[in-house]
């Protein structure tokens, strides 16, 4: 019994006192902006394509763990899904809730969930059709801090998962926190 009391006492002494805990970081919020280059995977009834898109993002990080983010983007380059059928991301915008897990001083793992409204443009022999829809979106990313305010990210995002077409992508980005 005495050995248990000694071990428990030593364990409690090894823990930092409550006065040493930093609760101020939990209540600190900040605005941020950034941009990402997207290499997309579009699966349609006509075939698969890999268009390239670019978006800007902005948001508010309520604390180190939770934030809200908005993105707006447009297509940069189309890709051929089948003979003479070209697919391009026309435009998209979305609103997401973000959850961040700091993995150390300079590395963060994050997840996003929200809604994206996306329009795809399909060109077939000089005829163009635009398809648009909204869907639940989700993603997972890794952020590396270059400085206290500047970070770089690599992320996978599932934009749309609809019957006619599925859109996912790999994003490479930069973010600046104010």
C-alpha atoms as a PDB file:
ATOM      1  CA  UNK A   1       0.000   0.000   0.000  1.00  0.00           C
ATOM      2  CA  UNK A   2       2.813   2.401   0.904  1.00  0.00           C
ATOM      3  CA  UNK A   3       4.496   1.760  -2.465  1.00  0.00           C
ATOM      4  CA  UNK A   4       1.288   2.777  -4.300  1.00  0.00           C
ATOM      5  CA  UNK A   5       1.094   6.053  -2.355  1.00  0.00           C
ATOM      6  CA  UNK A   6       4.746   6.865  -3.170  1.00  0.00           C
ATOM      7  CA  UNK A   7       4.238   6.102  -6.886  1.00  0.00           C
ATOM      8  CA  UNK A   8       1.043   8.180  -7.002  1.00  0.00           C
ATOM      9  CA  UNK A   9       2.747  11.088  -5.218  1.00  0.00           C
ATOM     10  CA  UNK A  10       5.738  11.021  -7.608  1.00  0.00           C
ATOM     11  CA  UNK A  11       3.408  10.868 -10.622  1.00  0.00           C
ATOM     12  CA  UNK A  12       1.441  13.891  -9.396  1.00  0.00           C
ATOM     13  CA  UNK A  13       4.645  15.825  -8.744  1.00  0.00           C
ATOM     14  CA  UNK A  14       5.834  15.064 -12.287  1.00  0.00           C
ATOM     15  CA  UNK A  15       2.728  16.702 -13.782  1.00  0.00           C
ATOM     16  CA  UNK A  16       2.847  20.464 -14.310  1.00  0.00           C
ATOM     17  CA  UNK A  17       0.818  22.490 -11.886  1.00  0.00           C
ATOM     18  CA  UNK A  18      -2.467  23.942 -13.146  1.00  0.00           C
ATOM     19  CA  UNK A  19      -0.971  27.438 -12.943  1.00  0.00           C
ATOM     20  CA  UNK A  20       1.595  26.439 -15.584  1.00  0.00           C
ATOM     21  CA  UNK A  21      -0.990  25.384 -18.153  1.00  0.00           C
ATOM     22  CA  UNK A  22      -1.466  27.827 -21.035  1.00  0.00           C
ATOM     23  CA  UNK A  23      -5.208  28.320 -21.518  1.00  0.00           C
ATOM     24  CA  UNK A  24      -4.731  31.589 -23.432  1.00  0.00           C
ATOM     25  CA  UNK A  25      -3.979  29.750 -26.704  1.00  0.00           C
ATOM     26  CA  UNK A  26      -7.429  28.132 -26.654  1.00  0.00           C
ATOM     27  CA  UNK A  27      -9.138  31.529 -26.820  1.00  0.00           C
ATOM     28  CA  UNK A  28      -6.879  33.137 -29.431  1.00  0.00           C
ATOM     29  CA  UNK A  29      -8.451  33.560 -32.853  1.00  0.00           C
ATOM     30  CA  UNK A  30      -7.019  34.826 -36.115  1.00  0.00           C
ATOM     31  CA  UNK A  31      -8.014  35.520 -39.718  1.00  0.00           C
ATOM     32  CA  UNK A  32      -6.128  33.960 -42.618  1.00  0.00           C
ATOM     33  CA  UNK A  33      -5.975  33.967 -46.414  1.00  0.00           C
ATOM     34  CA  UNK A  34      -4.331  31.690 -48.928  1.00  0.00           C
ATOM     35  CA  UNK A  35      -4.493  29.896 -52.219  1.00  0.00           C
ATOM     36  CA  UNK A  36      -4.227  26.370 -53.555  1.00  0.00           C
ATOM     37  CA  UNK A  37      -3.481  24.744 -56.894  1.00  0.00           C
ATOM     38  CA  UNK A  38      -5.748  21.750 -57.515  1.00  0.00           C
ATOM     39  CA  UNK A  39      -4.981  18.689 -59.619  1.00  0.00           C
ATOM     40  CA  UNK A  40      -8.415  17.152 -60.067  1.00  0.00           C
ATOM     41  CA  UNK A  41      -9.864  13.725 -60.691  1.00  0.00           C
ATOM     42  CA  UNK A  42     -13.194  13.942 -62.460  1.00  0.00           C
ATOM     43  CA  UNK A  43     -15.092  10.712 -63.111  1.00  0.00           C
ATOM     44  CA  UNK A  44     -18.007  11.209 -65.541  1.00  0.00           C
ATOM     45  CA  UNK A  45     -20.247   9.033 -67.689  1.00  0.00           C
ATOM     46  CA  UNK A  46     -17.949   9.929 -70.609  1.00  0.00           C
ATOM     47  CA  UNK A  47     -14.691   8.932 -68.931  1.00  0.00           C
ATOM     48  CA  UNK A  48     -12.086  10.258 -66.527  1.00  0.00           C
ATOM     49  CA  UNK A  49     -10.325  13.600 -66.759  1.00  0.00           C
ATOM     50  CA  UNK A  50      -7.702  15.474 -64.753  1.00  0.00           C
ATOM     51  CA  UNK A  51      -8.382  19.216 -65.005  1.00  0.00           C
ATOM     52  CA  UNK A  52      -6.356  21.800 -63.111  1.00  0.00           C
ATOM     53  CA  UNK A  53      -7.988  24.506 -60.991  1.00  0.00           C
ATOM     54  CA  UNK A  54      -6.946  27.328 -58.679  1.00  0.00           C
ATOM     55  CA  UNK A  55      -8.778  28.711 -55.676  1.00  0.00           C
ATOM     56  CA  UNK A  56      -8.364  31.353 -53.030  1.00  0.00           C
ATOM     57  CA  UNK A  57      -9.365  30.695 -49.473  1.00  0.00           C
ATOM     58  CA  UNK A  58     -10.037  32.720 -46.397  1.00  0.00           C
ATOM     59  CA  UNK A  59     -11.188  31.903 -42.949  1.00  0.00           C
ATOM     60  CA  UNK A  60     -11.139  32.391 -39.244  1.00  0.00           C
ATOM     61  CA  UNK A  61      -9.329  30.065 -36.846  1.00  0.00           C
ATOM     62  CA  UNK A  62     -11.287  30.343 -33.579  1.00  0.00           C
ATOM     63  CA  UNK A  63      -8.578  28.545 -31.611  1.00  0.00           C
ATOM     64  CA  UNK A  64      -5.762  26.119 -32.483  1.00  0.00           C
ATOM     65  CA  UNK A  65      -8.306  23.347 -33.104  1.00  0.00           C
ATOM     66  CA  UNK A  66     -11.452  24.692 -34.822  1.00  0.00           C
ATOM     67  CA  UNK A  67     -12.035  27.138 -37.653  1.00  0.00           C
ATOM     68  CA  UNK A  68     -14.307  28.049 -40.547  1.00  0.00           C
ATOM     69  CA  UNK A  69     -13.138  28.511 -44.130  1.00  0.00           C
ATOM     70  CA  UNK A  70     -14.508  29.703 -47.445  1.00  0.00           C
ATOM     71  CA  UNK A  71     -13.066  28.892 -50.876  1.00  0.00           C
ATOM     72  CA  UNK A  72     -13.757  30.210 -54.354  1.00  0.00           C
ATOM     73  CA  UNK A  73     -12.062  28.853 -57.452  1.00  0.00           C
ATOM     74  CA  UNK A  74     -11.990  28.467 -61.191  1.00  0.00           C
ATOM     75  CA  UNK A  75     -10.547  26.097 -63.745  1.00  0.00           C
ATOM     76  CA  UNK A  76      -7.160  26.739 -65.332  1.00  0.00           C
ATOM     77  CA  UNK A  77      -6.828  23.841 -67.769  1.00  0.00           C
ATOM     78  CA  UNK A  78      -9.126  21.189 -69.192  1.00  0.00           C
ATOM     79  CA  UNK A  79      -8.412  17.538 -69.886  1.00  0.00           C
ATOM     80  CA  UNK A  80      -9.703  15.073 -72.469  1.00  0.00           C
ATOM     81  CA  UNK A  81     -11.997  12.409 -70.978  1.00  0.00           C
ATOM     82  CA  UNK A  82     -12.704  10.622 -74.279  1.00  0.00           C
ATOM     83  CA  UNK A  83     -12.270  11.320 -77.997  1.00  0.00           C
ATOM     84  CA  UNK A  84     -12.999  15.032 -78.500  1.00  0.00           C
ATOM     85  CA  UNK A  85     -14.697  15.367 -75.072  1.00  0.00           C
ATOM     86  CA  UNK A  86     -12.889  17.893 -72.905  1.00  0.00           C
ATOM     87  CA  UNK A  87     -13.808  18.505 -69.276  1.00  0.00           C
ATOM     88  CA  UNK A  88     -12.915  21.600 -67.271  1.00  0.00           C
ATOM     89  CA  UNK A  89     -13.815  22.853 -63.822  1.00  0.00           C
ATOM     90  CA  UNK A  90     -15.737  26.039 -64.610  1.00  0.00           C
ATOM     91  CA  UNK A  91     -16.020  27.440 -61.079  1.00  0.00           C
ATOM     92  CA  UNK A  92     -16.681  26.414 -57.509  1.00  0.00           C
ATOM     93  CA  UNK A  93     -17.200  27.833 -54.063  1.00  0.00           C
ATOM     94  CA  UNK A  94     -17.669  26.295 -50.677  1.00  0.00           C
ATOM     95  CA  UNK A  95     -17.923  26.758 -46.932  1.00  0.00           C
ATOM     96  CA  UNK A  96     -16.180  24.350 -44.547  1.00  0.00           C
ATOM     97  CA  UNK A  97     -15.692  23.648 -40.879  1.00  0.00           C
ATOM     98  CA  UNK A  98     -12.055  22.827 -40.145  1.00  0.00           C
ATOM     99  CA  UNK A  99     -10.567  20.764 -37.376  1.00  0.00           C
ATOM    100  CA  UNK A 100      -6.833  20.998 -36.697  1.00  0.00           C
ATOM    101  CA  UNK A 101      -4.578  18.717 -34.696  1.00  0.00           C
ATOM    102  CA  UNK A 102      -1.180  20.293 -33.941  1.00  0.00           C
ATOM    103  CA  UNK A 103       1.444  17.548 -34.243  1.00  0.00           C
ATOM    104  CA  UNK A 104       4.260  19.734 -32.933  1.00  0.00           C
ATOM    105  CA  UNK A 105       5.475  23.286 -33.283  1.00  0.00           C
ATOM    106  CA  UNK A 106       5.662  23.242 -37.098  1.00  0.00           C
ATOM    107  CA  UNK A 107       3.341  20.451 -38.285  1.00  0.00           C
ATOM    108  CA  UNK A 108      -0.468  20.338 -38.280  1.00  0.00           C
ATOM    109  CA  UNK A 109      -2.895  17.696 -39.450  1.00  0.00           C
ATOM    110  CA  UNK A 110      -6.320  19.032 -40.435  1.00  0.00           C
ATOM    111  CA  UNK A 111      -9.693  17.888 -41.731  1.00  0.00           C
ATOM    112  CA  UNK A 112     -12.461  19.805 -43.513  1.00  0.00           C
ATOM    113  CA  UNK A 113     -16.149  19.129 -43.913  1.00  0.00           C
ATOM    114  CA  UNK A 114     -18.693  21.369 -45.600  1.00  0.00           C
ATOM    115  CA  UNK A 115     -20.632  22.076 -48.779  1.00  0.00           C
ATOM    116  CA  UNK A 116     -19.261  22.799 -52.258  1.00  0.00           C
ATOM    117  CA  UNK A 117     -21.140  24.160 -55.276  1.00  0.00           C
ATOM    118  CA  UNK A 118     -19.216  23.176 -58.426  1.00  0.00           C
ATOM    119  CA  UNK A 119     -19.779  23.669 -62.164  1.00  0.00           C
ATOM    120  CA  UNK A 120     -18.097  21.499 -64.793  1.00  0.00           C
ATOM    121  CA  UNK A 121     -17.883  22.447 -68.444  1.00  0.00           C
ATOM    122  CA  UNK A 122     -17.923  19.744 -71.095  1.00  0.00           C
ATOM    123  CA  UNK A 123     -16.838  20.516 -74.664  1.00  0.00           C
ATOM    124  CA  UNK A 124     -17.689  18.159 -77.527  1.00  0.00           C
ATOM    125  CA  UNK A 125     -16.775  19.307 -81.039  1.00  0.00           C
ATOM    126  CA  UNK A 126     -17.254  23.032 -80.328  1.00  0.00           C
ATOM    127  CA  UNK A 127     -20.474  22.473 -78.342  1.00  0.00           C
ATOM    128  CA  UNK A 128     -20.273  23.346 -74.683  1.00  0.00           C
ATOM    129  CA  UNK A 129     -22.497  22.190 -71.821  1.00  0.00           C
ATOM    130  CA  UNK A 130     -22.201  23.201 -68.180  1.00  0.00           C
ATOM    131  CA  UNK A 131     -23.255  20.932 -65.327  1.00  0.00           C
ATOM    132  CA  UNK A 132     -23.479  22.221 -61.774  1.00  0.00           C
ATOM    133  CA  UNK A 133     -24.412  20.776 -58.432  1.00  0.00           C
ATOM    134  CA  UNK A 134     -23.800  21.041 -54.694  1.00  0.00           C
ATOM    135  CA  UNK A 135     -22.733  18.273 -52.387  1.00  0.00           C
ATOM    136  CA  UNK A 136     -21.187  17.474 -49.038  1.00  0.00           C
ATOM    137  CA  UNK A 137     -17.393  17.799 -49.264  1.00  0.00           C
ATOM    138  CA  UNK A 138     -14.634  16.556 -47.025  1.00  0.00           C
ATOM    139  CA  UNK A 139     -10.874  16.502 -46.979  1.00  0.00           C
ATOM    140  CA  UNK A 140      -7.727  15.746 -45.050  1.00  0.00           C
ATOM    141  CA  UNK A 141      -4.500  17.724 -45.154  1.00  0.00           C
ATOM    142  CA  UNK A 142      -1.051  18.283 -43.734  1.00  0.00           C
ATOM    143  CA  UNK A 143       0.224  21.792 -43.050  1.00  0.00           C
ATOM    144  CA  UNK A 144       3.888  22.681 -42.548  1.00  0.00           C
ATOM    145  CA  UNK A 145       4.699  26.036 -40.996  1.00  0.00           C
ATOM    146  CA  UNK A 146       7.539  27.966 -42.634  1.00  0.00           C
ATOM    147  CA  UNK A 147       7.218  30.797 -40.103  1.00  0.00           C
ATOM    148  CA  UNK A 148       4.750  31.583 -37.339  1.00  0.00           C
ATOM    149  CA  UNK A 149       2.385  33.120 -39.924  1.00  0.00           C
ATOM    150  CA  UNK A 150       3.207  31.387 -43.241  1.00  0.00           C
ATOM    151  CA  UNK A 151       2.421  27.732 -43.928  1.00  0.00           C
ATOM    152  CA  UNK A 152       2.365  25.324 -46.858  1.00  0.00           C
ATOM    153  CA  UNK A 153      -0.183  22.532 -47.246  1.00  0.00           C
ATOM    154  CA  UNK A 154      -0.827  19.312 -49.095  1.00  0.00           C
ATOM    155  CA  UNK A 155      -4.418  18.102 -48.998  1.00  0.00           C
ATOM    156  CA  UNK A 156      -6.808  15.580 -50.507  1.00  0.00           C
ATOM    157  CA  UNK A 157     -10.360  16.862 -51.033  1.00  0.00           C
ATOM    158  CA  UNK A 158     -13.509  15.032 -52.152  1.00  0.00           C
ATOM    159  CA  UNK A 159     -15.477  17.908 -53.725  1.00  0.00           C
ATOM    160  CA  UNK A 160     -18.503  16.064 -55.128  1.00  0.00           C
ATOM    161  CA  UNK A 161     -19.739  12.495 -55.058  1.00  0.00           C
ATOM    162  CA  UNK A 162     -22.816  12.481 -57.292  1.00  0.00           C
ATOM    163  CA  UNK A 163     -24.214   9.904 -59.691  1.00  0.00           C
ATOM    164  CA  UNK A 164     -23.317  11.728 -62.919  1.00  0.00           C
ATOM    165  CA  UNK A 165     -19.855  12.797 -61.855  1.00  0.00           C
ATOM    166  CA  UNK A 166     -17.442  12.575 -58.968  1.00  0.00           C
ATOM    167  CA  UNK A 167     -14.834  15.250 -58.380  1.00  0.00           C
ATOM    168  CA  UNK A 168     -11.840  14.888 -56.075  1.00  0.00           C
ATOM    169  CA  UNK A 169      -8.457  16.532 -56.048  1.00  0.00           C
ATOM    170  CA  UNK A 170      -5.013  16.930 -54.614  1.00  0.00           C
ATOM    171  CA  UNK A 171      -4.320  20.496 -53.464  1.00  0.00           C
ATOM    172  CA  UNK A 172      -0.975  22.181 -52.938  1.00  0.00           C
ATOM    173  CA  UNK A 173      -1.262  25.507 -51.150  1.00  0.00           C
ATOM    174  CA  UNK A 174       0.018  28.389 -49.112  1.00  0.00           C
ATOM    175  CA  UNK A 175      -1.643  30.226 -46.217  1.00  0.00           C
ATOM    176  CA  UNK A 176      -0.896  33.429 -44.332  1.00  0.00           C
ATOM    177  CA  UNK A 177      -2.276  33.984 -40.813  1.00  0.00           C
ATOM    178  CA  UNK A 178      -2.811  37.541 -39.581  1.00  0.00           C
END
